[in-house]
């Protein structure tokens, strides 16, 4: 069996998918994940936020468990306005140790509201905001970026992040305007590392083969949709073998049982639980297309669970 390169695994923030119950599961049941990112927390444009709101976003049970918080990274989404200095001071005072700035979300609504990848085409304005954040946050500060907005400006962006003393960069090597079309341009990882050595690689990493290939660029690897499809991928990598379909099916049953139980404890209606199972099932049932189709067409939760 070939020796696996040592990897630090990062679970990507995915709005609507990596909610606190999903993060609770992988933090507790799949400890091979080294860092788990929250979905982005949108900083208000005209006001401060309450600490209660932020704790709820992270998950109160996660926030109150220091071992879980030690592996949790809060991601924030900047806006065009707002009391940024006071907002970052609040985050710092809450004891958040790792903060990530979302500069890569390509969603049209996010960009239209001057968030995410919008800032890749407004680097002078971004520099002002990065200064404020770095001056007021004492912990580990990272940025998640794309290779550009509508054209490649990766060198310029990385040089700015270096200048503003960002500790780490997570690169998804697509333009924002590409959304998720085509293939991520992994060749850009080598270019990026020459400018910014503290690089986390991200984009189209879904299988053991992908992990082996991309680990040649960096030992720091973030996985997004591949993690939703297979939260146990780090375990497969460390064992250097894919789990059998039977093993995967048993893992999925365990996960769904946990997920449904936790949602019921939190008094979610069955209709909401069904929609969440469908959203996740779209990814983790990809090896069972017939089962996936039946789950996605289910009219109620019992029917969906029977198909699983």
Protein backbone atom coordinates (compact mmCIF):
# COMPACT_ATOMS: atom_id res chain seq x y z
CA UNK A 1 0.00 0.00 0.00
CA UNK A 2 1.42 3.39 -0.97
CA UNK A 3 2.30 5.81 1.80
CA UNK A 4 -0.28 8.63 1.99
CA UNK A 5 0.99 12.21 2.12
CA UNK A 6 0.07 13.82 5.42
CA UNK A 7 -2.95 16.07 4.91
CA UNK A 8 -4.86 18.56 7.04
CA UNK A 9 -8.52 18.35 6.07
CA UNK A 10 -10.76 21.42 5.92
CA UNK A 11 -14.53 21.10 5.58
CA UNK A 12 -15.79 23.94 3.38
CA UNK A 13 -18.63 26.30 4.30
CA UNK A 14 -21.71 25.52 2.20
CA UNK A 15 -24.77 27.66 2.80
CA UNK A 16 -27.86 25.51 3.33
CA UNK A 17 -25.85 22.28 3.59
CA UNK A 18 -23.16 22.52 6.28
CA UNK A 19 -25.53 23.67 9.00
CA UNK A 20 -24.82 23.21 12.67
CA UNK A 21 -26.28 19.68 12.81
CA UNK A 22 -24.11 18.53 9.92
CA UNK A 23 -21.07 20.17 11.52
CA UNK A 24 -21.94 18.65 14.88
CA UNK A 25 -21.93 15.21 13.26
CA UNK A 26 -18.55 15.46 11.56
CA UNK A 27 -16.92 17.19 14.53
CA UNK A 28 -17.99 14.34 16.81
CA UNK A 29 -18.16 11.31 14.53
CA UNK A 30 -15.45 11.97 11.92
CA UNK A 31 -12.60 13.49 13.96
CA UNK A 32 -10.23 13.15 10.99
CA UNK A 33 -11.51 16.56 9.85
CA UNK A 34 -9.00 19.07 11.20
CA UNK A 35 -11.00 22.27 10.57
CA UNK A 36 -14.72 22.76 10.07
CA UNK A 37 -15.99 26.06 8.62
CA UNK A 38 -19.36 27.62 9.38
CA UNK A 39 -21.47 28.91 6.49
CA UNK A 40 -20.86 32.63 6.05
CA UNK A 41 -22.16 34.99 8.71
CA UNK A 42 -23.31 38.12 6.93
CA UNK A 43 -22.14 41.22 8.78
CA UNK A 44 -25.04 43.71 8.99
CA UNK A 45 -24.68 46.80 6.79
CA UNK A 46 -26.23 49.30 9.15
CA UNK A 47 -25.85 47.99 12.68
CA UNK A 48 -23.99 45.78 15.11
CA UNK A 49 -25.10 42.19 15.68
CA UNK A 50 -25.94 40.54 18.98
CA UNK A 51 -23.62 37.90 20.35
CA UNK A 52 -26.71 35.69 20.73
CA UNK A 53 -27.25 35.85 16.96
CA UNK A 54 -23.68 34.81 16.24
CA UNK A 55 -23.75 31.99 18.81
CA UNK A 56 -26.93 30.66 17.19
CA UNK A 57 -25.23 30.78 13.78
CA UNK A 58 -22.28 28.75 15.05
CA UNK A 59 -24.55 26.48 17.10
CA UNK A 60 -24.86 27.04 20.82
CA UNK A 61 -23.82 23.49 21.70
CA UNK A 62 -20.70 23.84 19.51
CA UNK A 63 -19.89 27.29 20.91
CA UNK A 64 -20.15 26.01 24.48
CA UNK A 65 -17.88 23.00 23.82
CA UNK A 66 -14.27 24.20 23.71
CA UNK A 67 -13.03 21.04 22.00
CA UNK A 68 -15.49 21.59 19.15
CA UNK A 69 -14.74 25.31 18.96
CA UNK A 70 -11.01 24.56 18.73
CA UNK A 71 -11.73 22.98 15.32
CA UNK A 72 -14.34 25.51 14.18
CA UNK A 73 -13.63 28.42 11.84
CA UNK A 74 -16.11 31.28 11.61
CA UNK A 75 -16.57 32.59 8.08
CA UNK A 76 -17.86 36.13 7.58
CA UNK A 77 -19.31 37.88 4.55
CA UNK A 78 -18.42 41.53 4.15
CA UNK A 79 -20.84 44.16 2.91
CA UNK A 80 -20.29 47.64 1.49
CA UNK A 81 -21.10 49.48 4.73
CA UNK A 82 -21.49 48.92 8.44
CA UNK A 83 -19.52 49.42 11.65
CA UNK A 84 -16.81 46.92 10.67
CA UNK A 85 -14.36 47.87 13.41
CA UNK A 86 -16.88 47.30 16.20
CA UNK A 87 -18.18 44.12 14.56
CA UNK A 88 -14.71 42.56 14.42
CA UNK A 89 -13.98 43.68 17.97
CA UNK A 90 -17.12 41.84 19.11
CA UNK A 91 -16.00 38.65 17.33
CA UNK A 92 -12.57 38.96 18.93
CA UNK A 93 -14.04 39.55 22.40
CA UNK A 94 -16.21 36.44 22.04
CA UNK A 95 -13.06 34.34 21.97
CA UNK A 96 -13.28 33.27 18.34
CA UNK A 97 -9.80 31.94 17.50
CA UNK A 98 -10.08 31.47 13.73
CA UNK A 99 -11.81 33.84 11.34
CA UNK A 100 -12.21 33.46 7.57
CA UNK A 101 -13.25 36.20 5.14
CA UNK A 102 -15.41 35.02 2.24
CA UNK A 103 -13.99 36.70 -0.86
CA UNK A 104 -14.95 33.92 -3.24
CA UNK A 105 -18.70 33.28 -3.18
CA UNK A 106 -19.85 33.64 -6.82
CA UNK A 107 -23.59 33.67 -6.08
CA UNK A 108 -25.29 36.36 -8.13
CA UNK A 109 -27.33 37.69 -5.19
CA UNK A 110 -24.26 37.78 -2.95
CA UNK A 111 -22.19 39.63 -5.57
CA UNK A 112 -25.08 42.02 -6.35
CA UNK A 113 -25.09 43.00 -2.66
CA UNK A 114 -21.34 43.63 -2.77
CA UNK A 115 -20.27 40.48 -0.97
CA UNK A 116 -18.11 37.45 -1.70
CA UNK A 117 -16.22 37.56 -5.00
CA UNK A 118 -17.40 41.15 -5.60
CA UNK A 119 -14.31 42.30 -3.69
CA UNK A 120 -11.93 40.65 -6.17
CA UNK A 121 -12.72 43.45 -8.61
CA UNK A 122 -12.47 46.17 -5.94
CA UNK A 123 -9.04 45.53 -4.46
CA UNK A 124 -8.31 49.11 -3.25
CA UNK A 125 -11.58 49.12 -1.27
CA UNK A 126 -10.87 45.60 -0.04
CA UNK A 127 -7.48 46.72 1.27
CA UNK A 128 -9.18 49.26 3.54
CA UNK A 129 -11.47 46.61 5.01
CA UNK A 130 -8.64 44.10 5.49
CA UNK A 131 -6.66 46.69 7.46
CA UNK A 132 -9.58 47.20 9.83
CA UNK A 133 -10.11 43.46 10.28
CA UNK A 134 -6.43 42.68 10.88
CA UNK A 135 -6.08 45.53 13.39
CA UNK A 136 -9.05 44.32 15.42
CA UNK A 137 -8.80 40.53 15.26
CA UNK A 138 -6.01 38.86 17.22
CA UNK A 139 -6.50 35.27 16.09
CA UNK A 140 -5.74 33.32 12.93
CA UNK A 141 -7.13 35.21 9.93
CA UNK A 142 -7.67 33.59 6.52
CA UNK A 143 -9.37 34.51 3.26
CA UNK A 144 -11.20 32.28 0.79
CA UNK A 145 -10.81 33.51 -2.77
CA UNK A 146 -11.32 32.68 -6.43
CA UNK A 147 -8.65 33.24 -9.07
CA UNK A 148 -10.43 36.43 -10.15
CA UNK A 149 -13.84 37.90 -10.83
CA UNK A 150 -14.22 38.00 -14.62
CA UNK A 151 -10.50 37.85 -15.44
CA UNK A 152 -7.42 36.37 -13.80
CA UNK A 153 -5.92 38.73 -11.19
CA UNK A 154 -4.63 36.11 -8.77
CA UNK A 155 -1.12 37.58 -8.36
CA UNK A 156 -2.49 41.01 -7.51
CA UNK A 157 -4.98 39.57 -5.01
CA UNK A 158 -2.39 37.38 -3.28
CA UNK A 159 0.08 40.23 -3.03
CA UNK A 160 -2.59 42.36 -1.37
CA UNK A 161 -3.43 39.61 1.12
CA UNK A 162 0.26 39.26 1.92
CA UNK A 163 0.57 43.00 2.39
CA UNK A 164 -2.37 43.09 4.80
CA UNK A 165 -0.91 40.25 6.89
CA UNK A 166 -3.54 37.61 6.17
CA UNK A 167 -2.30 34.35 7.70
CA UNK A 168 -3.65 31.88 5.16
CA UNK A 169 -5.38 31.79 1.77
CA UNK A 170 -7.87 29.21 0.53
CA UNK A 171 -7.93 29.18 -3.27
CA UNK A 172 -10.72 27.85 -5.47
CA UNK A 173 -9.13 28.24 -8.93
CA UNK A 174 -12.12 29.33 -10.98
CA UNK A 175 -13.24 32.81 -11.94
CA UNK A 176 -16.34 34.02 -10.13
CA UNK A 177 -18.18 34.32 -13.44
CA UNK A 178 -17.57 30.62 -14.11
CA UNK A 179 -19.67 29.74 -11.06
CA UNK A 180 -19.10 25.96 -10.86
CA UNK A 181 -18.87 25.27 -14.60
CA UNK A 182 -15.90 23.55 -16.21
CA UNK A 183 -13.01 22.23 -14.15
CA UNK A 184 -11.07 24.02 -11.43
CA UNK A 185 -7.64 25.02 -12.81
CA UNK A 186 -5.37 23.20 -10.36
CA UNK A 187 -2.28 24.41 -12.22
CA UNK A 188 -2.86 27.79 -10.53
CA UNK A 189 -2.07 26.24 -7.15
CA UNK A 190 1.63 26.13 -7.99
CA UNK A 191 1.59 29.78 -9.08
CA UNK A 192 -0.25 30.76 -5.92
CA UNK A 193 2.13 28.93 -3.57
CA UNK A 194 5.09 30.81 -4.99
CA UNK A 195 3.45 34.06 -3.88
CA UNK A 196 1.58 32.89 -0.79
CA UNK A 197 3.09 29.72 0.78
CA UNK A 198 0.35 29.33 3.41
CA UNK A 199 -2.10 27.99 0.83
CA UNK A 200 -5.14 25.75 1.21
CA UNK A 201 -6.28 24.17 -2.06
CA UNK A 202 -9.97 23.77 -2.92
CA UNK A 203 -12.14 22.90 -5.90
CA UNK A 204 -13.35 19.66 -7.54
CA UNK A 205 -11.82 17.45 -4.84
CA UNK A 206 -14.21 14.54 -4.42
CA UNK A 207 -12.33 11.22 -4.54
CA UNK A 208 -9.25 9.45 -3.22
CA UNK A 209 -7.60 10.00 -6.60
CA UNK A 210 -8.34 13.73 -6.42
CA UNK A 211 -6.82 13.90 -2.94
CA UNK A 212 -3.68 12.09 -4.04
CA UNK A 213 -3.25 14.38 -7.04
CA UNK A 214 -3.94 17.65 -5.30
CA UNK A 215 -1.77 16.78 -2.29
CA UNK A 216 1.22 17.35 -4.61
CA UNK A 217 0.40 21.08 -4.43
CA UNK A 218 -0.36 21.40 -0.71
CA UNK A 219 -0.94 19.34 2.41
CA UNK A 220 -3.77 21.75 3.38
CA UNK A 221 -6.92 20.67 1.51
CA UNK A 222 -10.46 22.02 1.69
CA UNK A 223 -13.32 19.86 0.45
CA UNK A 224 -16.79 21.25 -0.28
CA UNK A 225 -19.45 19.27 -2.11
CA UNK A 226 -17.21 16.21 -1.97
CA UNK A 227 -17.50 16.38 1.82
CA UNK A 228 -21.29 16.47 1.67
CA UNK A 229 -21.27 13.47 -0.68
CA UNK A 230 -18.76 11.59 1.47
CA UNK A 231 -18.04 12.99 4.95
CA UNK A 232 -15.86 9.92 5.54
CA UNK A 233 -13.38 10.77 2.76
CA UNK A 234 -10.57 11.66 5.21
CA UNK A 235 -10.94 8.20 6.78
CA UNK A 236 -10.68 6.59 3.34
CA UNK A 237 -7.57 8.61 2.60
CA UNK A 238 -5.85 7.66 5.84
CA UNK A 239 -6.68 3.99 5.23
CA UNK A 240 -5.80 4.33 1.52
CA UNK A 241 -8.90 2.49 0.39
CA UNK A 242 -12.44 3.32 -0.65
CA UNK A 243 -15.11 1.97 1.62
CA UNK A 244 -17.37 -0.66 0.06
CA UNK A 245 -20.89 0.24 -0.98
CA UNK A 246 -22.17 -1.73 2.02
CA UNK A 247 -19.90 0.22 4.38
CA UNK A 248 -20.97 3.51 2.81
CA UNK A 249 -24.62 2.57 3.07
CA UNK A 250 -24.21 1.75 6.78
CA UNK A 251 -22.46 5.09 7.31
CA UNK A 252 -25.28 6.93 5.54
CA UNK A 253 -27.87 5.14 7.69
CA UNK A 254 -25.98 6.17 10.82
CA UNK A 255 -25.71 9.75 9.61
CA UNK A 256 -29.39 10.04 8.62
CA UNK A 257 -30.48 8.54 11.94
CA UNK A 258 -28.36 11.11 13.78
CA UNK A 259 -29.57 13.96 11.59
CA UNK A 260 -33.29 13.15 11.91
CA UNK A 261 -32.98 12.60 15.66
CA UNK A 262 -31.22 15.94 16.17
CA UNK A 263 -33.72 17.85 14.04
CA UNK A 264 -36.62 16.31 15.94
CA UNK A 265 -34.99 17.29 19.25
CA UNK A 266 -34.90 20.85 17.98
CA UNK A 267 -38.62 20.68 17.11
CA UNK A 268 -38.25 21.05 13.34
CA UNK A 269 -41.42 20.06 11.44
CA UNK A 270 -41.22 16.87 9.37
CA UNK A 271 -41.57 18.87 6.17
CA UNK A 272 -38.36 20.76 7.00
CA UNK A 273 -36.53 17.55 7.93
CA UNK A 274 -37.61 16.03 4.61
CA UNK A 275 -36.27 18.99 2.64
CA UNK A 276 -32.93 18.79 4.46
CA UNK A 277 -32.64 15.03 3.81
CA UNK A 278 -33.39 15.66 0.13
CA UNK A 279 -30.79 18.43 -0.09
CA UNK A 280 -28.09 16.24 1.46
CA UNK A 281 -29.26 13.10 -0.35
CA UNK A 282 -28.71 14.83 -3.67
CA UNK A 283 -25.00 14.45 -2.87
CA UNK A 284 -24.53 11.40 -0.64
CA UNK A 285 -26.76 9.12 -2.75
CA UNK A 286 -24.85 9.73 -5.99
CA UNK A 287 -23.69 6.08 -6.06
CA UNK A 288 -27.31 4.90 -5.90
CA UNK A 289 -29.14 6.86 -8.65
CA UNK A 290 -32.39 4.89 -8.37
CA UNK A 291 -32.53 5.32 -4.60
CA UNK A 292 -31.62 8.99 -4.98
CA UNK A 293 -34.45 9.56 -7.46
CA UNK A 294 -36.98 7.94 -5.12
CA UNK A 295 -35.81 9.92 -2.10
CA UNK A 296 -35.97 13.21 -4.02
CA UNK A 297 -39.54 12.40 -5.14
CA UNK A 298 -40.71 11.36 -1.65
CA UNK A 299 -43.87 13.05 -0.42
CA UNK A 300 -43.20 12.61 3.29
CA UNK A 301 -40.36 11.81 5.68
CA UNK A 302 -41.39 8.18 6.35
CA UNK A 303 -41.38 7.45 2.62
CA UNK A 304 -37.90 8.96 2.20
CA UNK A 305 -36.51 7.01 5.17
CA UNK A 306 -37.98 3.76 3.80
CA UNK A 307 -36.11 4.28 0.53
CA UNK A 308 -32.90 4.94 2.43
